[in-house]
Amino acid sequence: MPTIQQITVRVTPQYLREQSDPEANQYVFAYTVRMENTGNIPARLLSRHWVITDADGETREVRGPGVVGEHPHLQPGDHYEYTSGAILTTPVGSMMGSYQMQDDEGSMFDAAIPAFTLSAEVMFH
């Protein structure tokens, strides 16, 4: 059977109204990531790369080791979940990126993080 490297990533964002301050252009979001090893070889998450874009088209990139201080090692069929956050200066934005992974045979590969929307659902009166 050929080696299949497959990490499936799903993200659920949430607006944190109580931590946000719209008058100061500060919109706080949490997002929960669930990654699952849907391939047939174990793999470890080494680092992350996020591209965060606000409604004004301003983009910033975030790179770093692991996620929330961890480097999860996923066996085939295993999943890992964590929650982190982002702060935008606009009520709407988006995030996307990738996780840099290494399988147990030493091969490096990227696991895509599909784009998702951050929305404060601000009501204008």
PDB file of N, CA and C in Angstrom:
ATOM      1  N   MET A   1       0.846  -1.187   0.000  1.00  0.00           N
ATOM      2  CA  MET A   1       0.000   0.000   0.000  1.00  0.00           C
ATOM      3  C   MET A   1       0.889   1.248   0.000  1.00  0.00           C
ATOM      4  N   PRO A   2       0.595   2.209  -0.877  1.00  0.00           N
ATOM      5  CA  PRO A   2       1.416   3.423  -0.905  1.00  0.00           C
ATOM      6  C   PRO A   2       1.225   4.250   0.363  1.00  0.00           C
ATOM      7  N   THR A   3       2.251   5.013   0.683  1.00  0.00           N
ATOM      8  CA  THR A   3       2.177   5.910   1.833  1.00  0.00           C
ATOM      9  C   THR A   3       1.279   7.092   1.486  1.00  0.00           C
ATOM     10  N   ILE A   4       0.286   7.341   2.333  1.00  0.00           N
ATOM     11  CA  ILE A   4      -0.614   8.467   2.109  1.00  0.00           C
ATOM     12  C   ILE A   4      -0.495   9.418   3.295  1.00  0.00           C
ATOM     13  N   GLN A   5      -0.040  10.642   2.997  1.00  0.00           N
ATOM     14  CA  GLN A   5       0.035  11.687   4.015  1.00  0.00           C
ATOM     15  C   GLN A   5      -1.215  12.542   3.856  1.00  0.00           C
ATOM     16  N   GLN A   6      -2.068  12.508   4.843  1.00  0.00           N
ATOM     17  CA  GLN A   6      -3.299  13.278   4.728  1.00  0.00           C
ATOM     18  C   GLN A   6      -3.716  13.755   6.110  1.00  0.00           C
ATOM     19  N   ILE A   7      -3.705  15.061   6.292  1.00  0.00           N
ATOM     20  CA  ILE A   7      -4.206  15.676   7.515  1.00  0.00           C
ATOM     21  C   ILE A   7      -5.386  16.557   7.099  1.00  0.00           C
ATOM     22  N   THR A   8      -6.554  16.251   7.626  1.00  0.00           N
ATOM     23  CA  THR A   8      -7.756  17.020   7.319  1.00  0.00           C
ATOM     24  C   THR A   8      -7.970  18.037   8.439  1.00  0.00           C
ATOM     25  N   VAL A   9      -8.143  19.303   8.060  1.00  0.00           N
ATOM     26  CA  VAL A   9      -8.258  20.385   9.034  1.00  0.00           C
ATOM     27  C   VAL A   9      -9.624  21.061   8.884  1.00  0.00           C
ATOM     28  N   ARG A  10     -10.318  21.219  10.024  1.00  0.00           N
ATOM     29  CA  ARG A  10     -11.583  21.951  10.063  1.00  0.00           C
ATOM     30  C   ARG A  10     -11.474  23.015  11.154  1.00  0.00           C
ATOM     31  N   VAL A  11     -12.024  24.208  10.881  1.00  0.00           N
ATOM     32  CA  VAL A  11     -11.930  25.313  11.830  1.00  0.00           C
ATOM     33  C   VAL A  11     -13.328  25.864  12.117  1.00  0.00           C
ATOM     34  N   THR A  12     -13.596  26.113  13.402  1.00  0.00           N
ATOM     35  CA  THR A  12     -14.855  26.729  13.828  1.00  0.00           C
ATOM     36  C   THR A  12     -14.534  28.044  14.534  1.00  0.00           C
ATOM     37  N   PRO A  13     -14.835  29.188  13.866  1.00  0.00           N
ATOM     38  CA  PRO A  13     -14.552  30.483  14.495  1.00  0.00           C
ATOM     39  C   PRO A  13     -15.712  30.965  15.364  1.00  0.00           C
ATOM     40  N   GLN A  14     -15.393  31.874  16.294  1.00  0.00           N
ATOM     41  CA  GLN A  14     -16.403  32.448  17.186  1.00  0.00           C
ATOM     42  C   GLN A  14     -15.990  33.877  17.531  1.00  0.00           C
ATOM     43  N   TYR A  15     -16.936  34.794  17.463  1.00  0.00           N
ATOM     44  CA  TYR A  15     -16.696  36.183  17.857  1.00  0.00           C
ATOM     45  C   TYR A  15     -16.840  36.298  19.367  1.00  0.00           C
ATOM     46  N   LEU A  16     -15.870  36.926  20.004  1.00  0.00           N
ATOM     47  CA  LEU A  16     -15.897  37.106  21.463  1.00  0.00           C
ATOM     48  C   LEU A  16     -16.321  38.540  21.773  1.00  0.00           C
ATOM     49  N   ARG A  17     -17.621  38.754  21.786  1.00  0.00           N
ATOM     50  CA  ARG A  17     -18.194  40.092  21.982  1.00  0.00           C
ATOM     51  C   ARG A  17     -17.714  40.727  23.284  1.00  0.00           C
ATOM     52  N   GLU A  18     -17.667  39.944  24.371  1.00  0.00           N
ATOM     53  CA  GLU A  18     -17.327  40.494  25.680  1.00  0.00           C
ATOM     54  C   GLU A  18     -15.870  40.949  25.774  1.00  0.00           C
ATOM     55  N   GLN A  19     -15.002  40.437  24.899  1.00  0.00           N
ATOM     56  CA  GLN A  19     -13.593  40.848  24.917  1.00  0.00           C
ATOM     57  C   GLN A  19     -13.277  41.907  23.871  1.00  0.00           C
ATOM     58  N   SER A  20     -14.247  42.201  23.024  1.00  0.00           N
ATOM     59  CA  SER A  20     -14.035  43.141  21.928  1.00  0.00           C
ATOM     60  C   SER A  20     -14.399  44.567  22.346  1.00  0.00           C
ATOM     61  N   ASP A  21     -13.848  45.534  21.610  1.00  0.00           N
ATOM     62  CA  ASP A  21     -14.142  46.945  21.841  1.00  0.00           C
ATOM     63  C   ASP A  21     -14.292  47.618  20.480  1.00  0.00           C
ATOM     64  N   PRO A  22     -15.495  47.515  19.869  1.00  0.00           N
ATOM     65  CA  PRO A  22     -15.687  48.078  18.529  1.00  0.00           C
ATOM     66  C   PRO A  22     -15.347  49.563  18.425  1.00  0.00           C
ATOM     67  N   GLU A  23     -15.576  50.336  19.482  1.00  0.00           N
ATOM     68  CA  GLU A  23     -15.254  51.764  19.435  1.00  0.00           C
ATOM     69  C   GLU A  23     -13.753  52.007  19.282  1.00  0.00           C
ATOM     70  N   ALA A  24     -12.946  51.041  19.706  1.00  0.00           N
ATOM     71  CA  ALA A  24     -11.493  51.127  19.562  1.00  0.00           C
ATOM     72  C   ALA A  24     -10.998  50.275  18.391  1.00  0.00           C
ATOM     73  N   ASN A  25     -11.931  49.846  17.525  1.00  0.00           N
ATOM     74  CA  ASN A  25     -11.584  48.995  16.374  1.00  0.00           C
ATOM     75  C   ASN A  25     -10.829  47.738  16.801  1.00  0.00           C
ATOM     76  N   GLN A  26     -11.331  47.092  17.832  1.00  0.00           N
ATOM     77  CA  GLN A  26     -10.715  45.856  18.317  1.00  0.00           C
ATOM     78  C   GLN A  26     -11.788  44.771  18.379  1.00  0.00           C
ATOM     79  N   TYR A  27     -11.653  43.786  17.494  1.00  0.00           N
ATOM     80  CA  TYR A  27     -12.604  42.689  17.387  1.00  0.00           C
ATOM     81  C   TYR A  27     -11.852  41.394  17.682  1.00  0.00           C
ATOM     82  N   VAL A  28     -12.280  40.707  18.736  1.00  0.00           N
ATOM     83  CA  VAL A  28     -11.564  39.523  19.217  1.00  0.00           C
ATOM     84  C   VAL A  28     -12.328  38.265  18.804  1.00  0.00           C
ATOM     85  N   PHE A  29     -11.590  37.325  18.256  1.00  0.00           N
ATOM     86  CA  PHE A  29     -12.161  36.069  17.784  1.00  0.00           C
ATOM     87  C   PHE A  29     -11.404  34.890  18.380  1.00  0.00           C
ATOM     88  N   ALA A  30     -12.136  33.831  18.651  1.00  0.00           N
ATOM     89  CA  ALA A  30     -11.530  32.543  18.992  1.00  0.00           C
ATOM     90  C   ALA A  30     -11.804  31.617  17.821  1.00  0.00           C
ATOM     91  N   TYR A  31     -10.933  30.646  17.643  1.00  0.00           N
ATOM     92  CA  TYR A  31     -11.194  29.632  16.626  1.00  0.00           C
ATOM     93  C   TYR A  31     -10.699  28.295  17.159  1.00  0.00           C
ATOM     94  N   THR A  32     -11.525  27.282  16.929  1.00  0.00           N
ATOM     95  CA  THR A  32     -11.173  25.925  17.346  1.00  0.00           C
ATOM     96  C   THR A  32     -10.808  25.128  16.099  1.00  0.00           C
ATOM     97  N   VAL A  33      -9.623  24.546  16.146  1.00  0.00           N
ATOM     98  CA  VAL A  33      -9.111  23.761  15.028  1.00  0.00           C
ATOM     99  C   VAL A  33      -9.179  22.287  15.395  1.00  0.00           C
ATOM    100  N   ARG A  34      -9.692  21.494  14.482  1.00  0.00           N
ATOM    101  CA  ARG A  34      -9.659  20.042  14.626  1.00  0.00           C
ATOM    102  C   ARG A  34      -8.895  19.488  13.430  1.00  0.00           C
ATOM    103  N   MET A  35      -7.803  18.814  13.723  1.00  0.00           N
ATOM    104  CA  MET A  35      -7.023  18.172  12.667  1.00  0.00           C
ATOM    105  C   MET A  35      -7.088  16.664  12.868  1.00  0.00           C
ATOM    106  N   GLU A  36      -7.228  15.961  11.765  1.00  0.00           N
ATOM    107  CA  GLU A  36      -7.342  14.502  11.828  1.00  0.00           C
ATOM    108  C   GLU A  36      -6.401  13.879  10.815  1.00  0.00           C
ATOM    109  N   ASN A  37      -5.716  12.842  11.251  1.00  0.00           N
ATOM    110  CA  ASN A  37      -4.839  12.098  10.344  1.00  0.00           C
ATOM    111  C   ASN A  37      -5.698  11.089   9.587  1.00  0.00           C
ATOM    112  N   THR A  38      -6.048  11.451   8.347  1.00  0.00           N
ATOM    113  CA  THR A  38      -6.866  10.573   7.510  1.00  0.00           C
ATOM    114  C   THR A  38      -6.002   9.784   6.532  1.00  0.00           C
ATOM    115  N   GLY A  39      -4.688   9.840   6.722  1.00  0.00           N
ATOM    116  CA  GLY A  39      -3.765   9.067   5.893  1.00  0.00           C
ATOM    117  C   GLY A  39      -3.451   7.735   6.560  1.00  0.00           C
ATOM    118  N   ASN A  40      -2.363   7.111   6.130  1.00  0.00           N
ATOM    119  CA  ASN A  40      -2.012   5.806   6.693  1.00  0.00           C
ATOM    120  C   ASN A  40      -0.616   5.775   7.309  1.00  0.00           C
ATOM    121  N   ILE A  41      -0.093   6.969   7.644  1.00  0.00           N
ATOM    122  CA  ILE A  41       1.231   7.033   8.276  1.00  0.00           C
ATOM    123  C   ILE A  41       1.196   8.099   9.382  1.00  0.00           C
ATOM    124  N   PRO A  42       1.793   7.813  10.541  1.00  0.00           N
ATOM    125  CA  PRO A  42       1.822   8.810  11.612  1.00  0.00           C
ATOM    126  C   PRO A  42       2.588  10.061  11.181  1.00  0.00           C
ATOM    127  N   ALA A  43       2.187  11.210  11.745  1.00  0.00           N
ATOM    128  CA  ALA A  43       2.850  12.477  11.408  1.00  0.00           C
ATOM    129  C   ALA A  43       2.803  13.414  12.605  1.00  0.00           C
ATOM    130  N   ARG A  44       3.827  14.266  12.689  1.00  0.00           N
ATOM    131  CA  ARG A  44       3.941  15.251  13.767  1.00  0.00           C
ATOM    132  C   ARG A  44       3.849  16.655  13.172  1.00  0.00           C
ATOM    133  N   LEU A  45       3.122  17.527  13.869  1.00  0.00           N
ATOM    134  CA  LEU A  45       3.043  18.936  13.486  1.00  0.00           C
ATOM    135  C   LEU A  45       4.301  19.638  13.985  1.00  0.00           C
ATOM    136  N   LEU A  46       5.018  20.286  13.079  1.00  0.00           N
ATOM    137  CA  LEU A  46       6.241  20.990  13.448  1.00  0.00           C
ATOM    138  C   LEU A  46       6.008  22.480  13.633  1.00  0.00           C
ATOM    139  N   SER A  47       5.285  23.098  12.688  1.00  0.00           N
ATOM    140  CA  SER A  47       5.097  24.547  12.754  1.00  0.00           C
ATOM    141  C   SER A  47       3.803  24.947  12.049  1.00  0.00           C
ATOM    142  N   ARG A  48       3.490  26.240  12.182  1.00  0.00           N
ATOM    143  CA  ARG A  48       2.259  26.762  11.601  1.00  0.00           C
ATOM    144  C   ARG A  48       2.564  28.013  10.800  1.00  0.00           C
ATOM    145  N   HIS A  49       1.704  28.297   9.833  1.00  0.00           N
ATOM    146  CA  HIS A  49       1.786  29.515   9.027  1.00  0.00           C
ATOM    147  C   HIS A  49       0.359  29.981   8.773  1.00  0.00           C
ATOM    148  N   TRP A  50       0.023  31.141   9.309  1.00  0.00           N
ATOM    149  CA  TRP A  50      -1.312  31.723   9.142  1.00  0.00           C
ATOM    150  C   TRP A  50      -1.210  32.983   8.297  1.00  0.00           C
ATOM    151  N   VAL A  51      -2.225  33.207   7.459  1.00  0.00           N
ATOM    152  CA  VAL A  51      -2.394  34.456   6.727  1.00  0.00           C
ATOM    153  C   VAL A  51      -3.730  35.030   7.193  1.00  0.00           C
ATOM    154  N   ILE A  52      -3.676  36.196   7.847  1.00  0.00           N
ATOM    155  CA  ILE A  52      -4.861  36.829   8.434  1.00  0.00           C
ATOM    156  C   ILE A  52      -5.127  38.115   7.660  1.00  0.00           C
ATOM    157  N   THR A  53      -6.346  38.245   7.128  1.00  0.00           N
ATOM    158  CA  THR A  53      -6.699  39.400   6.307  1.00  0.00           C
ATOM    159  C   THR A  53      -7.925  40.077   6.901  1.00  0.00           C
ATOM    160  N   ASP A  54      -7.861  41.412   7.038  1.00  0.00           N
ATOM    161  CA  ASP A  54      -9.030  42.121   7.563  1.00  0.00           C
ATOM    162  C   ASP A  54      -9.856  42.683   6.410  1.00  0.00           C
ATOM    163  N   ALA A  55     -10.959  43.347   6.729  1.00  0.00           N
ATOM    164  CA  ALA A  55     -11.877  43.854   5.711  1.00  0.00           C
ATOM    165  C   ALA A  55     -11.273  44.980   4.879  1.00  0.00           C
ATOM    166  N   ASP A  56     -10.209  45.598   5.354  1.00  0.00           N
ATOM    167  CA  ASP A  56      -9.532  46.646   4.591  1.00  0.00           C
ATOM    168  C   ASP A  56      -8.486  46.068   3.639  1.00  0.00           C
ATOM    169  N   GLY A  57      -8.353  44.736   3.630  1.00  0.00           N
ATOM    170  CA  GLY A  57      -7.364  44.093   2.768  1.00  0.00           C
ATOM    171  C   GLY A  57      -5.975  44.035   3.372  1.00  0.00           C
ATOM    172  N   GLU A  58      -5.840  44.486   4.622  1.00  0.00           N
ATOM    173  CA  GLU A  58      -4.550  44.409   5.306  1.00  0.00           C
ATOM    174  C   GLU A  58      -4.279  42.948   5.676  1.00  0.00           C
ATOM    175  N   THR A  59      -3.099  42.491   5.333  1.00  0.00           N
ATOM    176  CA  THR A  59      -2.743  41.091   5.587  1.00  0.00           C
ATOM    177  C   THR A  59      -1.538  41.025   6.502  1.00  0.00           C
ATOM    178  N   ARG A  60      -1.596  40.094   7.441  1.00  0.00           N
ATOM    179  CA  ARG A  60      -0.410  39.820   8.250  1.00  0.00           C
ATOM    180  C   ARG A  60      -0.211  38.318   8.304  1.00  0.00           C
ATOM    181  N   GLU A  61       1.032  37.931   8.403  1.00  0.00           N
ATOM    182  CA  GLU A  61       1.371  36.514   8.456  1.00  0.00           C
ATOM    183  C   GLU A  61       1.930  36.182   9.823  1.00  0.00           C
ATOM    184  N   VAL A  62       1.565  35.015  10.312  1.00  0.00           N
ATOM    185  CA  VAL A  62       2.052  34.531  11.602  1.00  0.00           C
ATOM    186  C   VAL A  62       2.686  33.170  11.370  1.00  0.00           C
ATOM    187  N   ARG A  63       3.930  33.041  11.794  1.00  0.00           N
ATOM    188  CA  ARG A  63       4.639  31.763  11.691  1.00  0.00           C
ATOM    189  C   ARG A  63       5.189  31.419  13.069  1.00  0.00           C
ATOM    190  N   GLY A  64       5.246  30.143  13.368  1.00  0.00           N
ATOM    191  CA  GLY A  64       5.825  29.762  14.641  1.00  0.00           C
ATOM    192  C   GLY A  64       5.841  28.259  14.818  1.00  0.00           C
ATOM    193  N   PRO A  65       6.576  27.815  15.829  1.00  0.00           N
ATOM    194  CA  PRO A  65       6.647  26.379  16.100  1.00  0.00           C
ATOM    195  C   PRO A  65       5.372  25.876  16.761  1.00  0.00           C
ATOM    196  N   GLY A  66       4.929  24.699  16.368  1.00  0.00           N
ATOM    197  CA  GLY A  66       3.809  24.038  17.032  1.00  0.00           C
ATOM    198  C   GLY A  66       2.536  24.851  17.043  1.00  0.00           C
ATOM    199  N   VAL A  67       1.603  24.394  17.866  1.00  0.00           N
ATOM    200  CA  VAL A  67       0.338  25.092  18.103  1.00  0.00           C
ATOM    201  C   VAL A  67       0.077  25.062  19.593  1.00  0.00           C
ATOM    202  N   VAL A  68      -0.292  26.195  20.164  1.00  0.00           N
ATOM    203  CA  VAL A  68      -0.525  26.358  21.605  1.00  0.00           C
ATOM    204  C   VAL A  68       0.546  25.631  22.432  1.00  0.00           C
ATOM    205  N   GLY A  69       1.802  25.775  21.999  1.00  0.00           N
ATOM    206  CA  GLY A  69       2.924  25.200  22.738  1.00  0.00           C
ATOM    207  C   GLY A  69       3.108  23.699  22.577  1.00  0.00           C
ATOM    208  N   GLU A  70       2.380  23.089  21.661  1.00  0.00           N
ATOM    209  CA  GLU A  70       2.466  21.641  21.485  1.00  0.00           C
ATOM    210  C   GLU A  70       2.825  21.284  20.048  1.00  0.00           C
ATOM    211  N   HIS A  71       3.347  20.076  19.894  1.00  0.00           N
ATOM    212  CA  HIS A  71       3.676  19.503  18.584  1.00  0.00           C
ATOM    213  C   HIS A  71       2.984  18.132  18.492  1.00  0.00           C
ATOM    214  N   PRO A  72       1.659  18.142  18.252  1.00  0.00           N
ATOM    215  CA  PRO A  72       0.926  16.873  18.295  1.00  0.00           C
ATOM    216  C   PRO A  72       1.444  15.856  17.278  1.00  0.00           C
ATOM    217  N   HIS A  73       1.485  14.606  17.716  1.00  0.00           N
ATOM    218  CA  HIS A  73       1.884  13.472  16.871  1.00  0.00           C
ATOM    219  C   HIS A  73       0.637  12.625  16.665  1.00  0.00           C
ATOM    220  N   LEU A  74       0.170  12.571  15.429  1.00  0.00           N
ATOM    221  CA  LEU A  74      -1.099  11.915  15.130  1.00  0.00           C
ATOM    222  C   LEU A  74      -0.890  10.580  14.439  1.00  0.00           C
ATOM    223  N   GLN A  75      -1.384   9.545  15.060  1.00  0.00           N
ATOM    224  CA  GLN A  75      -1.423   8.230  14.419  1.00  0.00           C
ATOM    225  C   GLN A  75      -2.562   8.230  13.400  1.00  0.00           C
ATOM    226  N   PRO A  76      -2.541   7.338  12.409  1.00  0.00           N
ATOM    227  CA  PRO A  76      -3.668   7.256  11.483  1.00  0.00           C
ATOM    228  C   PRO A  76      -4.983   7.087  12.256  1.00  0.00           C
ATOM    229  N   GLY A  77      -5.971   7.917  11.912  1.00  0.00           N
ATOM    230  CA  GLY A  77      -7.270   7.871  12.578  1.00  0.00           C
ATOM    231  C   GLY A  77      -7.374   8.754  13.804  1.00  0.00           C
ATOM    232  N   ASP A  78      -6.238   9.240  14.340  1.00  0.00           N
ATOM    233  CA  ASP A  78      -6.257  10.118  15.512  1.00  0.00           C
ATOM    234  C   ASP A  78      -6.623  11.547  15.116  1.00  0.00           C
ATOM    235  N   HIS A  79      -7.120  12.304  16.100  1.00  0.00           N
ATOM    236  CA  HIS A  79      -7.366  13.720  15.867  1.00  0.00           C
ATOM    237  C   HIS A  79      -6.810  14.521  17.045  1.00  0.00           C
ATOM    238  N   TYR A  80      -6.647  15.812  16.806  1.00  0.00           N
ATOM    239  CA  TYR A  80      -6.159  16.740  17.816  1.00  0.00           C
ATOM    240  C   TYR A  80      -6.967  18.013  17.660  1.00  0.00           C
ATOM    241  N   GLU A  81      -7.339  18.618  18.786  1.00  0.00           N
ATOM    242  CA  GLU A  81      -8.155  19.822  18.753  1.00  0.00           C
ATOM    243  C   GLU A  81      -7.568  20.847  19.707  1.00  0.00           C
ATOM    244  N   TYR A  82      -7.578  22.105  19.288  1.00  0.00           N
ATOM    245  CA  TYR A  82      -7.125  23.180  20.163  1.00  0.00           C
ATOM    246  C   TYR A  82      -7.880  24.460  19.802  1.00  0.00           C
ATOM    247  N   THR A  83      -7.862  25.407  20.732  1.00  0.00           N
ATOM    248  CA  THR A  83      -8.493  26.702  20.513  1.00  0.00           C
ATOM    249  C   THR A  83      -7.453  27.798  20.682  1.00  0.00           C
ATOM    250  N   SER A  84      -7.492  28.768  19.770  1.00  0.00           N
ATOM    251  CA  SER A  84      -6.590  29.910  19.829  1.00  0.00           C
ATOM    252  C   SER A  84      -7.404  31.150  19.467  1.00  0.00           C
ATOM    253  N   GLY A  85      -6.727  32.269  19.214  1.00  0.00           N
ATOM    254  CA  GLY A  85      -7.468  33.484  18.943  1.00  0.00           C
ATOM    255  C   GLY A  85      -6.755  34.431  18.015  1.00  0.00           C
ATOM    256  N   ALA A  86      -7.524  35.426  17.559  1.00  0.00           N
ATOM    257  CA  ALA A  86      -6.990  36.474  16.689  1.00  0.00           C
ATOM    258  C   ALA A  86      -7.746  37.763  16.995  1.00  0.00           C
ATOM    259  N   ILE A  87      -7.063  38.872  16.798  1.00  0.00           N
ATOM    260  CA  ILE A  87      -7.676  40.189  16.988  1.00  0.00           C
ATOM    261  C   ILE A  87      -7.587  40.939  15.667  1.00  0.00           C
ATOM    262  N   LEU A  88      -8.735  41.458  15.217  1.00  0.00           N
ATOM    263  CA  LEU A  88      -8.785  42.250  13.989  1.00  0.00           C
ATOM    264  C   LEU A  88      -9.165  43.688  14.326  1.00  0.00           C
ATOM    265  N   THR A  89      -8.835  44.604  13.415  1.00  0.00           N
ATOM    266  CA  THR A  89      -9.248  45.999  13.568  1.00  0.00           C
ATOM    267  C   THR A  89     -10.532  46.278  12.793  1.00  0.00           C
ATOM    268  N   THR A  90     -11.060  45.278  12.099  1.00  0.00           N
ATOM    269  CA  THR A  90     -12.324  45.392  11.371  1.00  0.00           C
ATOM    270  C   THR A  90     -13.248  44.273  11.851  1.00  0.00           C
ATOM    271  N   PRO A  91     -14.577  44.439  11.703  1.00  0.00           N
ATOM    272  CA  PRO A  91     -15.503  43.426  12.211  1.00  0.00           C
ATOM    273  C   PRO A  91     -15.555  42.139  11.386  1.00  0.00           C
ATOM    274  N   VAL A  92     -14.944  42.175  10.208  1.00  0.00           N
ATOM    275  CA  VAL A  92     -14.945  40.995   9.346  1.00  0.00           C
ATOM    276  C   VAL A  92     -13.534  40.782   8.815  1.00  0.00           C
ATOM    277  N   GLY A  93     -13.159  39.532   8.668  1.00  0.00           N
ATOM    278  CA  GLY A  93     -11.865  39.194   8.095  1.00  0.00           C
ATOM    279  C   GLY A  93     -11.839  37.731   7.744  1.00  0.00           C
ATOM    280  N   SER A  94     -10.657  37.253   7.393  1.00  0.00           N
ATOM    281  CA  SER A  94     -10.526  35.837   7.069  1.00  0.00           C
ATOM    282  C   SER A  94      -9.150  35.339   7.483  1.00  0.00           C
ATOM    283  N   MET A  95      -9.060  34.033   7.635  1.00  0.00           N
ATOM    284  CA  MET A  95      -7.791  33.382   7.945  1.00  0.00           C
ATOM    285  C   MET A  95      -7.657  32.138   7.084  1.00  0.00           C
ATOM    286  N   MET A  96      -6.424  31.797   6.778  1.00  0.00           N
ATOM    287  CA  MET A  96      -6.109  30.552   6.093  1.00  0.00           C
ATOM    288  C   MET A  96      -4.634  30.278   6.361  1.00  0.00           C
ATOM    289  N   GLY A  97      -4.170  29.104   5.988  1.00  0.00           N
ATOM    290  CA  GLY A  97      -2.761  28.832   6.205  1.00  0.00           C
ATOM    291  C   GLY A  97      -2.413  27.381   6.004  1.00  0.00           C
ATOM    292  N   SER A  98      -1.373  26.954   6.725  1.00  0.00           N
ATOM    293  CA  SER A  98      -0.933  25.564   6.620  1.00  0.00           C
ATOM    294  C   SER A  98      -0.129  25.177   7.852  1.00  0.00           C
ATOM    295  N   TYR A  99      -0.126  23.884   8.093  1.00  0.00           N
ATOM    296  CA  TYR A  99       0.717  23.298   9.126  1.00  0.00           C
ATOM    297  C   TYR A  99       1.837  22.546   8.425  1.00  0.00           C
ATOM    298  N   GLN A 100       3.060  22.753   8.895  1.00  0.00           N
ATOM    299  CA  GLN A 100       4.185  22.017   8.351  1.00  0.00           C
ATOM    300  C   GLN A 100       4.328  20.738   9.186  1.00  0.00           C
ATOM    301  N   MET A 101       4.251  19.613   8.496  1.00  0.00           N
ATOM    302  CA  MET A 101       4.208  18.300   9.137  1.00  0.00           C
ATOM    303  C   MET A 101       5.427  17.471   8.729  1.00  0.00           C
ATOM    304  N   GLN A 102       5.740  16.471   9.553  1.00  0.00           N
ATOM    305  CA  GLN A 102       6.758  15.492   9.190  1.00  0.00           C
ATOM    306  C   GLN A 102       6.211  14.119   9.524  1.00  0.00           C
ATOM    307  N   ASP A 103       6.216  13.234   8.526  1.00  0.00           N
ATOM    308  CA  ASP A 103       5.720  11.883   8.796  1.00  0.00           C
ATOM    309  C   ASP A 103       6.810  11.045   9.439  1.00  0.00           C
ATOM    310  N   ASP A 104       6.433   9.879   9.929  1.00  0.00           N
ATOM    311  CA  ASP A 104       7.378   9.041  10.670  1.00  0.00           C
ATOM    312  C   ASP A 104       8.464   8.434   9.797  1.00  0.00           C
ATOM    313  N   GLU A 105       8.358   8.609   8.481  1.00  0.00           N
ATOM    314  CA  GLU A 105       9.427   8.162   7.577  1.00  0.00           C
ATOM    315  C   GLU A 105      10.398   9.299   7.278  1.00  0.00           C
ATOM    316  N   GLY A 106      10.134  10.494   7.867  1.00  0.00           N
ATOM    317  CA  GLY A 106      11.039  11.624   7.718  1.00  0.00           C
ATOM    318  C   GLY A 106      10.664  12.608   6.629  1.00  0.00           C
ATOM    319  N   SER A 107       9.606  12.333   5.868  1.00  0.00           N
ATOM    320  CA  SER A 107       9.196  13.240   4.795  1.00  0.00           C
ATOM    321  C   SER A 107       8.424  14.431   5.357  1.00  0.00           C
ATOM    322  N   MET A 108       8.706  15.599   4.813  1.00  0.00           N
ATOM    323  CA  MET A 108       8.011  16.823   5.204  1.00  0.00           C
ATOM    324  C   MET A 108       6.856  17.059   4.235  1.00  0.00           C
ATOM    325  N   PHE A 109       5.755  17.601   4.747  1.00  0.00           N
ATOM    326  CA  PHE A 109       4.628  17.971   3.890  1.00  0.00           C
ATOM    327  C   PHE A 109       3.807  19.031   4.597  1.00  0.00           C
ATOM    328  N   ASP A 110       2.981  19.732   3.822  1.00  0.00           N
ATOM    329  CA  ASP A 110       2.106  20.766   4.369  1.00  0.00           C
ATOM    330  C   ASP A 110       0.678  20.250   4.437  1.00  0.00           C
ATOM    331  N   ALA A 111       0.007  20.564   5.535  1.00  0.00           N
ATOM    332  CA  ALA A 111      -1.420  20.289   5.682  1.00  0.00           C
ATOM    333  C   ALA A 111      -2.138  21.626   5.549  1.00  0.00           C
ATOM    334  N   ALA A 112      -2.994  21.745   4.545  1.00  0.00           N
ATOM    335  CA  ALA A 112      -3.677  23.014   4.272  1.00  0.00           C
ATOM    336  C   ALA A 112      -4.737  23.305   5.324  1.00  0.00           C
ATOM    337  N   ILE A 113      -4.799  24.577   5.726  1.00  0.00           N
ATOM    338  CA  ILE A 113      -5.881  25.071   6.582  1.00  0.00           C
ATOM    339  C   ILE A 113      -6.792  25.867   5.656  1.00  0.00           C
ATOM    340  N   PRO A 114      -7.995  25.355   5.358  1.00  0.00           N
ATOM    341  CA  PRO A 114      -8.862  26.072   4.427  1.00  0.00           C
ATOM    342  C   PRO A 114      -9.256  27.447   4.963  1.00  0.00           C
ATOM    343  N   ALA A 115      -9.492  28.375   4.051  1.00  0.00           N
ATOM    344  CA  ALA A 115      -9.899  29.728   4.434  1.00  0.00           C
ATOM    345  C   ALA A 115     -11.224  29.684   5.179  1.00  0.00           C
ATOM    346  N   PHE A 116     -11.333  30.531   6.212  1.00  0.00           N
ATOM    347  CA  PHE A 116     -12.586  30.674   6.935  1.00  0.00           C
ATOM    348  C   PHE A 116     -12.776  32.143   7.292  1.00  0.00           C
ATOM    349  N   THR A 117     -14.039  32.525   7.515  1.00  0.00           N
ATOM    350  CA  THR A 117     -14.401  33.911   7.769  1.00  0.00           C
ATOM    351  C   THR A 117     -14.516  34.185   9.257  1.00  0.00           C
ATOM    352  N   LEU A 118     -14.001  35.334   9.657  1.00  0.00           N
ATOM    353  CA  LEU A 118     -14.200  35.859  11.007  1.00  0.00           C
ATOM    354  C   LEU A 118     -15.206  36.987  10.862  1.00  0.00           C
ATOM    355  N   SER A 119     -16.311  36.911  11.589  1.00  0.00           N
ATOM    356  CA  SER A 119     -17.347  37.943  11.470  1.00  0.00           C
ATOM    357  C   SER A 119     -17.910  38.273  12.843  1.00  0.00           C
ATOM    358  N   ALA A 120     -17.923  39.573  13.150  1.00  0.00           N
ATOM    359  CA  ALA A 120     -18.451  40.022  14.430  1.00  0.00           C
ATOM    360  C   ALA A 120     -19.971  40.115  14.417  1.00  0.00           C
ATOM    361  N   GLU A 121     -20.573  39.995  13.233  1.00  0.00           N
ATOM    362  CA  GLU A 121     -22.018  40.114  13.108  1.00  0.00           C
ATOM    363  C   GLU A 121     -22.516  41.368  13.809  1.00  0.00           C
ATOM    364  N   VAL A 122     -21.846  42.466  13.539  1.00  0.00           N
ATOM    365  CA  VAL A 122     -22.181  43.735  14.179  1.00  0.00           C
ATOM    366  C   VAL A 122     -23.501  44.240  13.610  1.00  0.00           C
ATOM    367  N   MET A 123     -24.379  44.642  14.492  1.00  0.00           N
ATOM    368  CA  MET A 123     -25.676  45.186  14.083  1.00  0.00           C
ATOM    369  C   MET A 123     -25.572  46.713  14.047  1.00  0.00           C
ATOM    370  N   PHE A 124     -25.859  47.288  12.906  1.00  0.00           N
ATOM    371  CA  PHE A 124     -25.826  48.748  12.765  1.00  0.00           C
ATOM    372  C   PHE A 124     -27.255  49.278  12.869  1.00  0.00           C
ATOM    373  N   HIS A 125     -27.458  50.263  13.721  1.00  0.00           N
ATOM    374  CA  HIS A 125     -28.805  50.840  13.912  1.00  0.00           C
ATOM    375  C   HIS A 125     -28.875  52.225  13.324  1.00  0.00           C
TER     376      HIS A 125
END
